């Protein structure tokens, strides 16, 4: 169980475990509620928070540390070697001042250009297999957040720059 704005690396890892990934709206509360409804084993939020269905349906850093140490104790590799075995993934987020009303206009305009996008929480545009951007209004402040993922830092920088400019152009 994870948010729409979490990286696709999760699918790459989970597909090897005969499990499935379910995506929710952004926020630990959304993940936690859905975990309870679906009796999910693990939840993850883009900001690094892990939740464990067998233990507690809220972010739990101590349990995350304990499970990581258990994993490392059973592995022939150290932490840095385990990380090197993961597929490359680069993510970022930025923000632009924007009222809720104007954010709706941004999403509407982007949907015209990218009609196959996921609009369950803002708009998530899957540019290709390795690149996506998500634009959504903050639920707590007058800003619009822009998230992205790519398989290289250079591609990610270009992707985010492109969508920041698109967003600013719509707002102008």
N, C-alpha and C. Protein backbone atom coordinates (compact mmCIF):
# COMPACT_ATOMS: atom_id res chain seq x y z
N UNK A 1 0.86 -1.16 0.00
CA UNK A 1 0.00 0.00 0.00
C UNK A 1 0.91 1.22 0.00
N UNK A 2 0.71 2.10 -0.97
CA UNK A 2 1.53 3.31 -1.02
C UNK A 2 0.79 4.42 -1.76
N UNK A 3 1.28 5.62 -1.61
CA UNK A 3 0.67 6.80 -2.25
C UNK A 3 0.99 6.85 -3.74
N UNK A 4 0.18 7.59 -4.47
CA UNK A 4 0.42 7.79 -5.90
C UNK A 4 1.77 8.43 -6.17
N UNK A 5 2.27 9.25 -5.25
CA UNK A 5 3.52 9.97 -5.50
C UNK A 5 4.76 9.21 -5.04
N UNK A 6 4.61 7.97 -4.60
CA UNK A 6 5.77 7.14 -4.29
C UNK A 6 6.36 6.62 -5.59
N UNK A 7 7.66 6.37 -5.58
CA UNK A 7 8.35 5.95 -6.79
C UNK A 7 7.90 4.60 -7.32
N UNK A 8 8.07 4.40 -8.63
CA UNK A 8 7.72 3.14 -9.28
C UNK A 8 8.67 2.01 -8.93
N UNK A 9 9.77 2.33 -8.26
CA UNK A 9 10.70 1.29 -7.83
C UNK A 9 9.97 0.25 -6.98
N UNK A 10 8.92 0.69 -6.32
CA UNK A 10 8.14 -0.23 -5.47
C UNK A 10 7.57 -1.37 -6.30
N UNK A 11 6.98 -1.05 -7.45
CA UNK A 11 6.45 -2.11 -8.32
C UNK A 11 7.56 -3.04 -8.78
N UNK A 12 8.73 -2.47 -9.09
CA UNK A 12 9.85 -3.29 -9.56
C UNK A 12 10.29 -4.31 -8.50
N UNK A 13 10.21 -3.92 -7.26
CA UNK A 13 10.61 -4.81 -6.17
C UNK A 13 9.49 -5.80 -5.84
N UNK A 14 8.28 -5.31 -5.73
CA UNK A 14 7.14 -6.14 -5.31
C UNK A 14 6.79 -7.21 -6.33
N UNK A 15 7.00 -6.93 -7.62
CA UNK A 15 6.64 -7.93 -8.64
C UNK A 15 7.43 -9.23 -8.46
N UNK A 16 8.54 -9.18 -7.76
CA UNK A 16 9.36 -10.37 -7.53
C UNK A 16 8.88 -11.18 -6.32
N UNK A 17 7.86 -10.68 -5.62
CA UNK A 17 7.43 -11.32 -4.38
C UNK A 17 6.03 -11.92 -4.46
N UNK A 18 5.45 -11.98 -5.65
CA UNK A 18 4.10 -12.51 -5.82
C UNK A 18 3.09 -11.71 -5.00
N UNK A 19 3.33 -10.40 -4.91
CA UNK A 19 2.43 -9.49 -4.21
C UNK A 19 1.96 -8.44 -5.20
N UNK A 20 1.18 -7.49 -4.72
CA UNK A 20 0.73 -6.41 -5.60
C UNK A 20 0.81 -5.09 -4.85
N UNK A 21 0.91 -4.02 -5.61
CA UNK A 21 0.96 -2.67 -5.05
C UNK A 21 -0.40 -2.02 -5.27
N UNK A 22 -0.93 -1.42 -4.22
CA UNK A 22 -2.16 -0.64 -4.31
C UNK A 22 -1.77 0.80 -4.02
N UNK A 23 -2.21 1.71 -4.88
CA UNK A 23 -1.89 3.14 -4.74
C UNK A 23 -3.08 3.88 -4.14
N UNK A 24 -2.78 4.83 -3.24
CA UNK A 24 -3.81 5.65 -2.60
C UNK A 24 -3.55 7.12 -2.91
N UNK A 25 -4.45 7.97 -2.48
CA UNK A 25 -4.18 9.40 -2.49
C UNK A 25 -2.97 9.66 -1.61
N UNK A 26 -2.40 10.86 -1.73
CA UNK A 26 -1.22 11.22 -0.96
C UNK A 26 -1.57 11.40 0.52
N UNK A 27 -0.70 10.90 1.38
CA UNK A 27 -0.84 11.11 2.82
C UNK A 27 -0.86 9.82 3.61
N UNK A 28 -0.22 9.86 4.77
CA UNK A 28 -0.15 8.65 5.60
C UNK A 28 -1.53 8.21 6.08
N UNK A 29 -2.43 9.16 6.30
CA UNK A 29 -3.78 8.80 6.73
C UNK A 29 -4.48 7.98 5.64
N UNK A 30 -4.30 8.40 4.38
CA UNK A 30 -4.90 7.67 3.26
C UNK A 30 -4.35 6.25 3.18
N UNK A 31 -3.04 6.13 3.32
CA UNK A 31 -2.41 4.80 3.27
C UNK A 31 -2.89 3.94 4.43
N UNK A 32 -2.87 4.51 5.63
CA UNK A 32 -3.26 3.78 6.83
C UNK A 32 -4.70 3.28 6.75
N UNK A 33 -5.61 4.15 6.35
CA UNK A 33 -7.02 3.73 6.24
C UNK A 33 -7.20 2.61 5.24
N UNK A 34 -6.52 2.73 4.11
CA UNK A 34 -6.65 1.72 3.07
C UNK A 34 -6.00 0.40 3.52
N UNK A 35 -4.92 0.51 4.29
CA UNK A 35 -4.29 -0.71 4.83
C UNK A 35 -5.28 -1.49 5.68
N UNK A 36 -6.00 -0.78 6.53
CA UNK A 36 -6.99 -1.43 7.40
C UNK A 36 -8.08 -2.07 6.55
N UNK A 37 -8.62 -1.32 5.58
CA UNK A 37 -9.70 -1.84 4.73
C UNK A 37 -9.28 -3.06 3.93
N UNK A 38 -8.02 -3.05 3.43
CA UNK A 38 -7.54 -4.14 2.57
C UNK A 38 -6.73 -5.19 3.32
N UNK A 39 -6.59 -5.02 4.63
CA UNK A 39 -5.77 -5.92 5.44
C UNK A 39 -4.36 -6.06 4.86
N UNK A 40 -3.77 -4.91 4.53
CA UNK A 40 -2.45 -4.87 3.89
C UNK A 40 -1.34 -5.15 4.90
N UNK A 41 -0.31 -5.79 4.43
CA UNK A 41 0.83 -6.14 5.28
C UNK A 41 1.76 -4.95 5.50
N UNK A 42 2.01 -4.15 4.44
CA UNK A 42 2.98 -3.05 4.51
C UNK A 42 2.41 -1.82 3.84
N UNK A 43 2.70 -0.67 4.42
CA UNK A 43 2.36 0.61 3.81
C UNK A 43 3.59 1.49 3.75
N UNK A 44 3.63 2.36 2.76
CA UNK A 44 4.79 3.24 2.58
C UNK A 44 4.31 4.59 2.09
N UNK A 45 4.89 5.64 2.65
CA UNK A 45 4.60 6.99 2.20
C UNK A 45 5.85 7.57 1.55
N UNK A 46 5.66 8.39 0.55
CA UNK A 46 6.75 8.97 -0.25
C UNK A 46 7.83 9.62 0.60
N UNK A 47 7.48 10.14 1.75
CA UNK A 47 8.46 10.83 2.60
C UNK A 47 9.33 9.86 3.41
N UNK A 48 9.17 8.57 3.19
CA UNK A 48 10.00 7.58 3.86
C UNK A 48 9.33 6.85 5.00
N UNK A 49 8.09 7.17 5.31
CA UNK A 49 7.40 6.52 6.42
C UNK A 49 6.90 5.13 6.05
N UNK A 50 7.23 4.15 6.89
CA UNK A 50 6.75 2.78 6.71
C UNK A 50 5.72 2.46 7.78
N UNK A 51 4.73 1.66 7.39
CA UNK A 51 3.68 1.19 8.30
C UNK A 51 3.59 -0.32 8.16
N UNK A 52 3.34 -0.99 9.25
CA UNK A 52 3.35 -2.45 9.24
C UNK A 52 2.02 -2.98 9.76
N UNK A 53 1.25 -3.59 8.86
CA UNK A 53 -0.10 -4.04 9.19
C UNK A 53 -0.19 -5.02 10.34
N UNK A 54 0.80 -5.86 10.50
CA UNK A 54 0.78 -6.83 11.61
C UNK A 54 1.11 -6.18 12.94
N UNK A 55 1.62 -4.96 12.90
CA UNK A 55 2.09 -4.30 14.12
C UNK A 55 1.26 -3.07 14.45
N UNK A 56 1.19 -2.13 13.49
CA UNK A 56 0.53 -0.85 13.75
C UNK A 56 0.32 -0.16 12.40
N UNK A 57 -0.80 0.46 12.20
CA UNK A 57 -1.12 1.08 10.91
C UNK A 57 -0.71 2.55 10.85
N UNK A 58 0.32 2.93 11.55
CA UNK A 58 0.86 4.29 11.47
C UNK A 58 2.37 4.19 11.25
N UNK A 59 2.98 5.30 10.80
CA UNK A 59 4.42 5.29 10.56
C UNK A 59 5.16 4.87 11.83
N UNK A 60 6.15 4.00 11.65
CA UNK A 60 6.85 3.47 12.81
C UNK A 60 8.34 3.31 12.48
N UNK A 61 9.11 4.32 12.82
CA UNK A 61 10.55 4.31 12.54
C UNK A 61 11.30 3.24 13.30
N UNK A 62 10.91 2.98 14.55
CA UNK A 62 11.61 1.97 15.35
C UNK A 62 11.41 0.57 14.75
N UNK A 63 10.19 0.27 14.32
CA UNK A 63 9.93 -1.03 13.71
C UNK A 63 10.67 -1.14 12.37
N UNK A 64 10.71 -0.04 11.62
CA UNK A 64 11.44 -0.04 10.35
C UNK A 64 12.91 -0.37 10.60
N UNK A 65 13.50 0.28 11.59
CA UNK A 65 14.90 0.02 11.93
C UNK A 65 15.10 -1.43 12.35
N UNK A 66 14.22 -1.95 13.18
CA UNK A 66 14.35 -3.34 13.64
C UNK A 66 14.28 -4.31 12.47
N UNK A 67 13.36 -4.08 11.54
CA UNK A 67 13.23 -4.98 10.39
C UNK A 67 14.43 -4.85 9.45
N UNK A 68 14.96 -3.63 9.29
CA UNK A 68 16.16 -3.45 8.46
C UNK A 68 17.35 -4.19 9.07
N UNK A 69 17.51 -4.08 10.38
CA UNK A 69 18.61 -4.78 11.04
C UNK A 69 18.45 -6.29 10.92
N UNK A 70 17.22 -6.78 11.02
CA UNK A 70 16.96 -8.20 10.83
C UNK A 70 17.32 -8.63 9.41
N UNK A 71 16.91 -7.84 8.43
CA UNK A 71 17.24 -8.13 7.03
C UNK A 71 18.75 -8.18 6.83
N UNK A 72 19.46 -7.20 7.36
CA UNK A 72 20.91 -7.15 7.20
C UNK A 72 21.60 -8.33 7.90
N UNK A 73 21.06 -8.75 9.04
CA UNK A 73 21.67 -9.88 9.76
C UNK A 73 21.55 -11.18 8.97
N UNK A 74 20.56 -11.26 8.09
CA UNK A 74 20.34 -12.48 7.29
C UNK A 74 20.96 -12.38 5.90
N UNK A 75 21.46 -11.22 5.54
CA UNK A 75 22.01 -10.99 4.21
C UNK A 75 23.52 -11.23 4.21
N UNK A 76 24.02 -11.64 3.08
CA UNK A 76 25.47 -11.79 2.91
C UNK A 76 26.12 -10.45 2.54
N UNK A 77 25.28 -9.42 2.32
CA UNK A 77 25.76 -8.12 1.86
C UNK A 77 25.56 -7.07 2.94
N UNK A 78 26.39 -6.03 2.90
CA UNK A 78 26.16 -4.91 3.82
C UNK A 78 25.11 -3.98 3.22
N UNK A 79 24.73 -2.95 3.96
CA UNK A 79 23.64 -2.07 3.53
C UNK A 79 23.93 -1.41 2.18
N UNK A 80 25.13 -0.87 2.00
CA UNK A 80 25.45 -0.18 0.74
C UNK A 80 25.41 -1.15 -0.44
N UNK A 81 25.84 -2.39 -0.24
CA UNK A 81 25.78 -3.38 -1.32
C UNK A 81 24.33 -3.74 -1.65
N UNK A 82 23.48 -3.86 -0.65
CA UNK A 82 22.06 -4.12 -0.89
C UNK A 82 21.43 -2.98 -1.67
N UNK A 83 21.77 -1.75 -1.32
CA UNK A 83 21.22 -0.59 -2.02
C UNK A 83 21.67 -0.56 -3.48
N UNK A 84 22.93 -0.93 -3.73
CA UNK A 84 23.44 -0.96 -5.12
C UNK A 84 22.68 -1.96 -5.98
N UNK A 85 22.07 -2.96 -5.36
CA UNK A 85 21.31 -3.97 -6.11
C UNK A 85 19.91 -3.49 -6.53
N UNK A 86 19.50 -2.34 -6.00
CA UNK A 86 18.19 -1.80 -6.38
C UNK A 86 18.28 -1.12 -7.75
N UNK A 87 17.19 -1.12 -8.51
CA UNK A 87 17.20 -0.41 -9.79
C UNK A 87 17.35 1.09 -9.56
N UNK A 88 17.93 1.80 -10.53
CA UNK A 88 18.10 3.25 -10.36
C UNK A 88 16.76 3.96 -10.29
N UNK A 89 16.65 4.90 -9.38
CA UNK A 89 15.42 5.68 -9.23
C UNK A 89 15.77 7.04 -8.65
N UNK A 90 15.32 8.08 -9.32
CA UNK A 90 15.58 9.44 -8.87
C UNK A 90 14.24 10.14 -8.72
N UNK A 91 13.98 10.68 -7.55
CA UNK A 91 12.72 11.38 -7.29
C UNK A 91 12.99 12.75 -6.71
N UNK A 92 12.02 13.63 -6.88
CA UNK A 92 12.12 14.96 -6.29
C UNK A 92 10.73 15.54 -6.15
N UNK A 93 10.65 16.65 -5.45
CA UNK A 93 9.41 17.41 -5.40
C UNK A 93 9.77 18.87 -5.23
N UNK A 94 8.87 19.71 -5.72
CA UNK A 94 9.02 21.15 -5.57
C UNK A 94 7.63 21.72 -5.38
N UNK A 95 7.55 23.03 -5.20
CA UNK A 95 6.23 23.64 -4.98
C UNK A 95 6.19 25.01 -5.62
N UNK A 96 4.97 25.44 -5.92
CA UNK A 96 4.70 26.76 -6.48
C UNK A 96 3.52 27.34 -5.72
N UNK A 97 3.60 28.60 -5.34
CA UNK A 97 2.46 29.24 -4.68
C UNK A 97 1.27 29.23 -5.62
N UNK A 98 0.13 28.81 -5.10
CA UNK A 98 -1.05 28.65 -5.95
C UNK A 98 -2.27 28.41 -5.07
N UNK A 99 -3.34 29.13 -5.34
CA UNK A 99 -4.58 28.91 -4.59
C UNK A 99 -5.22 27.60 -5.04
N UNK A 100 -6.12 27.08 -4.22
CA UNK A 100 -6.82 25.86 -4.56
C UNK A 100 -7.61 26.03 -5.85
N UNK A 101 -8.24 27.19 -6.02
CA UNK A 101 -9.03 27.45 -7.23
C UNK A 101 -8.15 27.40 -8.48
N UNK A 102 -6.99 28.05 -8.41
CA UNK A 102 -6.09 28.06 -9.58
C UNK A 102 -5.48 26.69 -9.82
N UNK A 103 -5.27 25.92 -8.76
CA UNK A 103 -4.70 24.58 -8.95
C UNK A 103 -5.67 23.70 -9.76
N UNK A 104 -6.95 23.91 -9.58
CA UNK A 104 -7.94 23.16 -10.35
C UNK A 104 -7.83 23.50 -11.84
N UNK A 105 -7.54 24.76 -12.14
CA UNK A 105 -7.35 25.19 -13.53
C UNK A 105 -6.11 24.52 -14.11
N UNK A 106 -5.02 24.49 -13.33
CA UNK A 106 -3.78 23.85 -13.79
C UNK A 106 -4.05 22.39 -14.14
N UNK A 107 -4.71 21.68 -13.25
CA UNK A 107 -4.99 20.26 -13.48
C UNK A 107 -5.89 20.07 -14.70
N UNK A 108 -6.89 20.90 -14.83
CA UNK A 108 -7.80 20.82 -15.97
C UNK A 108 -7.06 21.05 -17.30
N UNK A 109 -6.19 22.04 -17.33
CA UNK A 109 -5.43 22.33 -18.56
C UNK A 109 -4.45 21.20 -18.89
N UNK A 110 -3.79 20.66 -17.88
CA UNK A 110 -2.86 19.56 -18.13
C UNK A 110 -3.60 18.31 -18.59
N UNK A 111 -4.80 18.09 -18.08
CA UNK A 111 -5.59 16.93 -18.49
C UNK A 111 -5.96 17.02 -19.98
N UNK A 112 -6.14 18.23 -20.48
CA UNK A 112 -6.41 18.39 -21.92
C UNK A 112 -5.22 17.91 -22.75
N UNK A 113 -4.02 18.20 -22.26
CA UNK A 113 -2.80 17.80 -22.97
C UNK A 113 -2.44 16.34 -22.74
N UNK A 114 -2.79 15.82 -21.56
CA UNK A 114 -2.46 14.45 -21.18
C UNK A 114 -3.72 13.72 -20.71
N UNK A 115 -4.64 13.39 -21.64
CA UNK A 115 -5.96 12.88 -21.26
C UNK A 115 -5.96 11.50 -20.60
N UNK A 116 -4.89 10.73 -20.73
CA UNK A 116 -4.86 9.39 -20.15
C UNK A 116 -4.28 9.37 -18.73
N UNK A 117 -4.17 10.53 -18.13
CA UNK A 117 -3.53 10.65 -16.82
C UNK A 117 -4.46 10.23 -15.68
N UNK A 118 -3.85 9.86 -14.57
CA UNK A 118 -4.57 9.51 -13.35
C UNK A 118 -4.96 10.80 -12.64
N UNK A 119 -6.24 10.98 -12.37
CA UNK A 119 -6.72 12.21 -11.71
C UNK A 119 -7.37 11.92 -10.36
N UNK A 120 -7.00 10.83 -9.73
CA UNK A 120 -7.60 10.51 -8.44
C UNK A 120 -7.10 11.41 -7.31
N UNK A 121 -5.97 12.10 -7.52
CA UNK A 121 -5.42 13.03 -6.52
C UNK A 121 -4.54 14.02 -7.26
N UNK A 122 -5.14 15.08 -7.78
CA UNK A 122 -4.41 15.98 -8.67
C UNK A 122 -4.32 15.33 -10.03
N UNK A 123 -3.13 15.36 -10.63
CA UNK A 123 -2.93 14.68 -11.91
C UNK A 123 -1.55 14.02 -11.91
N UNK A 124 -1.53 12.74 -12.27
CA UNK A 124 -0.27 12.02 -12.40
C UNK A 124 -0.12 11.64 -13.86
N UNK A 125 0.94 12.15 -14.47
CA UNK A 125 1.19 11.96 -15.89
C UNK A 125 2.33 10.97 -16.05
N UNK A 126 2.05 9.82 -16.64
CA UNK A 126 3.08 8.82 -16.90
C UNK A 126 3.65 9.13 -18.27
N UNK A 127 4.80 9.79 -18.30
CA UNK A 127 5.42 10.22 -19.56
C UNK A 127 5.85 9.01 -20.37
N UNK A 128 6.49 8.06 -19.73
CA UNK A 128 6.85 6.78 -20.32
C UNK A 128 7.08 5.80 -19.17
N UNK A 129 7.62 4.63 -19.47
CA UNK A 129 7.78 3.59 -18.45
C UNK A 129 8.58 4.07 -17.24
N UNK A 130 9.58 4.91 -17.47
CA UNK A 130 10.50 5.30 -16.40
C UNK A 130 10.30 6.71 -15.86
N UNK A 131 9.41 7.48 -16.46
CA UNK A 131 9.29 8.90 -16.11
C UNK A 131 7.85 9.29 -15.87
N UNK A 132 7.60 9.93 -14.73
CA UNK A 132 6.27 10.45 -14.44
C UNK A 132 6.40 11.75 -13.65
N UNK A 133 5.32 12.51 -13.69
CA UNK A 133 5.21 13.73 -12.89
C UNK A 133 3.81 13.76 -12.30
N UNK A 134 3.70 14.25 -11.08
CA UNK A 134 2.41 14.38 -10.42
C UNK A 134 2.28 15.81 -9.90
N UNK A 135 1.15 16.42 -10.18
CA UNK A 135 0.89 17.79 -9.75
C UNK A 135 -0.41 17.77 -8.97
N UNK A 136 -0.35 18.29 -7.73
CA UNK A 136 -1.54 18.28 -6.89
C UNK A 136 -1.50 19.45 -5.92
N UNK A 137 -2.68 19.96 -5.56
CA UNK A 137 -2.71 21.02 -4.56
C UNK A 137 -2.38 20.46 -3.18
N UNK A 138 -1.70 21.25 -2.39
CA UNK A 138 -1.44 20.86 -1.00
C UNK A 138 -2.77 20.88 -0.25
N UNK A 139 -2.90 19.99 0.69
CA UNK A 139 -4.10 19.98 1.52
C UNK A 139 -3.98 20.90 2.72
N UNK A 140 -2.79 21.49 2.91
CA UNK A 140 -2.57 22.28 4.12
C UNK A 140 -2.10 23.71 3.88
N UNK A 141 -1.67 24.04 2.66
CA UNK A 141 -1.18 25.40 2.39
C UNK A 141 -1.48 25.79 0.95
N UNK A 142 -1.47 27.09 0.62
CA UNK A 142 -1.83 27.54 -0.73
C UNK A 142 -0.68 27.36 -1.73
N UNK A 143 -0.37 26.11 -2.00
CA UNK A 143 0.68 25.78 -2.96
C UNK A 143 0.22 24.60 -3.79
N UNK A 144 0.92 24.44 -4.91
CA UNK A 144 0.74 23.24 -5.72
C UNK A 144 2.08 22.52 -5.69
N UNK A 145 2.04 21.22 -5.42
CA UNK A 145 3.27 20.43 -5.36
C UNK A 145 3.47 19.70 -6.67
N UNK A 146 4.72 19.62 -7.07
CA UNK A 146 5.09 18.91 -8.29
C UNK A 146 6.09 17.84 -7.91
N UNK A 147 5.71 16.59 -8.12
CA UNK A 147 6.56 15.44 -7.81
C UNK A 147 7.00 14.82 -9.13
N UNK A 148 8.13 14.15 -9.12
CA UNK A 148 8.55 13.45 -10.32
C UNK A 148 9.50 12.31 -10.02
N UNK A 149 9.58 11.39 -10.99
CA UNK A 149 10.53 10.28 -10.90
C UNK A 149 11.08 10.01 -12.28
N UNK A 150 12.36 9.64 -12.32
CA UNK A 150 13.00 9.26 -13.57
C UNK A 150 14.11 8.26 -13.27
N UNK A 151 14.68 7.71 -14.34
CA UNK A 151 15.76 6.74 -14.17
C UNK A 151 17.14 7.40 -14.16
N UNK A 152 17.20 8.73 -14.29
CA UNK A 152 18.47 9.45 -14.18
C UNK A 152 18.20 10.85 -13.62
N UNK A 153 19.19 11.40 -12.96
CA UNK A 153 19.04 12.75 -12.40
C UNK A 153 18.86 13.77 -13.51
N UNK A 154 19.58 13.60 -14.61
CA UNK A 154 19.48 14.53 -15.73
C UNK A 154 18.06 14.53 -16.31
N UNK A 155 17.50 13.35 -16.53
CA UNK A 155 16.13 13.27 -17.05
C UNK A 155 15.13 13.86 -16.06
N UNK A 156 15.35 13.60 -14.78
CA UNK A 156 14.45 14.13 -13.75
C UNK A 156 14.49 15.65 -13.72
N UNK A 157 15.68 16.22 -13.76
CA UNK A 157 15.81 17.68 -13.75
C UNK A 157 15.08 18.30 -14.93
N UNK A 158 15.22 17.69 -16.10
CA UNK A 158 14.56 18.18 -17.31
C UNK A 158 13.04 18.05 -17.19
N UNK A 159 12.58 16.91 -16.71
CA UNK A 159 11.15 16.65 -16.55
C UNK A 159 10.52 17.66 -15.61
N UNK A 160 11.12 17.86 -14.45
CA UNK A 160 10.56 18.78 -13.45
C UNK A 160 10.60 20.21 -13.98
N UNK A 161 11.70 20.60 -14.60
CA UNK A 161 11.81 21.95 -15.16
C UNK A 161 10.70 22.19 -16.19
N UNK A 162 10.47 21.21 -17.04
CA UNK A 162 9.43 21.31 -18.06
C UNK A 162 8.05 21.52 -17.43
N UNK A 163 7.73 20.75 -16.40
CA UNK A 163 6.40 20.85 -15.80
C UNK A 163 6.25 22.05 -14.87
N UNK A 164 7.34 22.52 -14.29
CA UNK A 164 7.28 23.78 -13.53
C UNK A 164 6.94 24.91 -14.50
N UNK A 165 7.59 24.92 -15.66
CA UNK A 165 7.32 25.97 -16.65
C UNK A 165 5.89 25.86 -17.19
N UNK A 166 5.42 24.64 -17.48
CA UNK A 166 4.03 24.46 -17.93
C UNK A 166 3.06 25.00 -16.89
N UNK A 167 3.31 24.67 -15.63
CA UNK A 167 2.43 25.10 -14.54
C UNK A 167 2.43 26.62 -14.42
N UNK A 168 3.61 27.21 -14.43
CA UNK A 168 3.70 28.67 -14.33
C UNK A 168 3.04 29.35 -15.51
N UNK A 169 3.17 28.76 -16.69
CA UNK A 169 2.54 29.31 -17.89
C UNK A 169 1.01 29.30 -17.77
N UNK A 170 0.47 28.23 -17.24
CA UNK A 170 -0.98 28.14 -17.04
C UNK A 170 -1.43 29.17 -16.01
N UNK A 171 -0.63 29.36 -14.97
CA UNK A 171 -0.99 30.30 -13.90
C UNK A 171 -0.85 31.76 -14.32
N UNK A 172 -0.06 32.01 -15.37
CA UNK A 172 0.21 33.41 -15.79
C UNK A 172 -1.01 34.07 -16.40
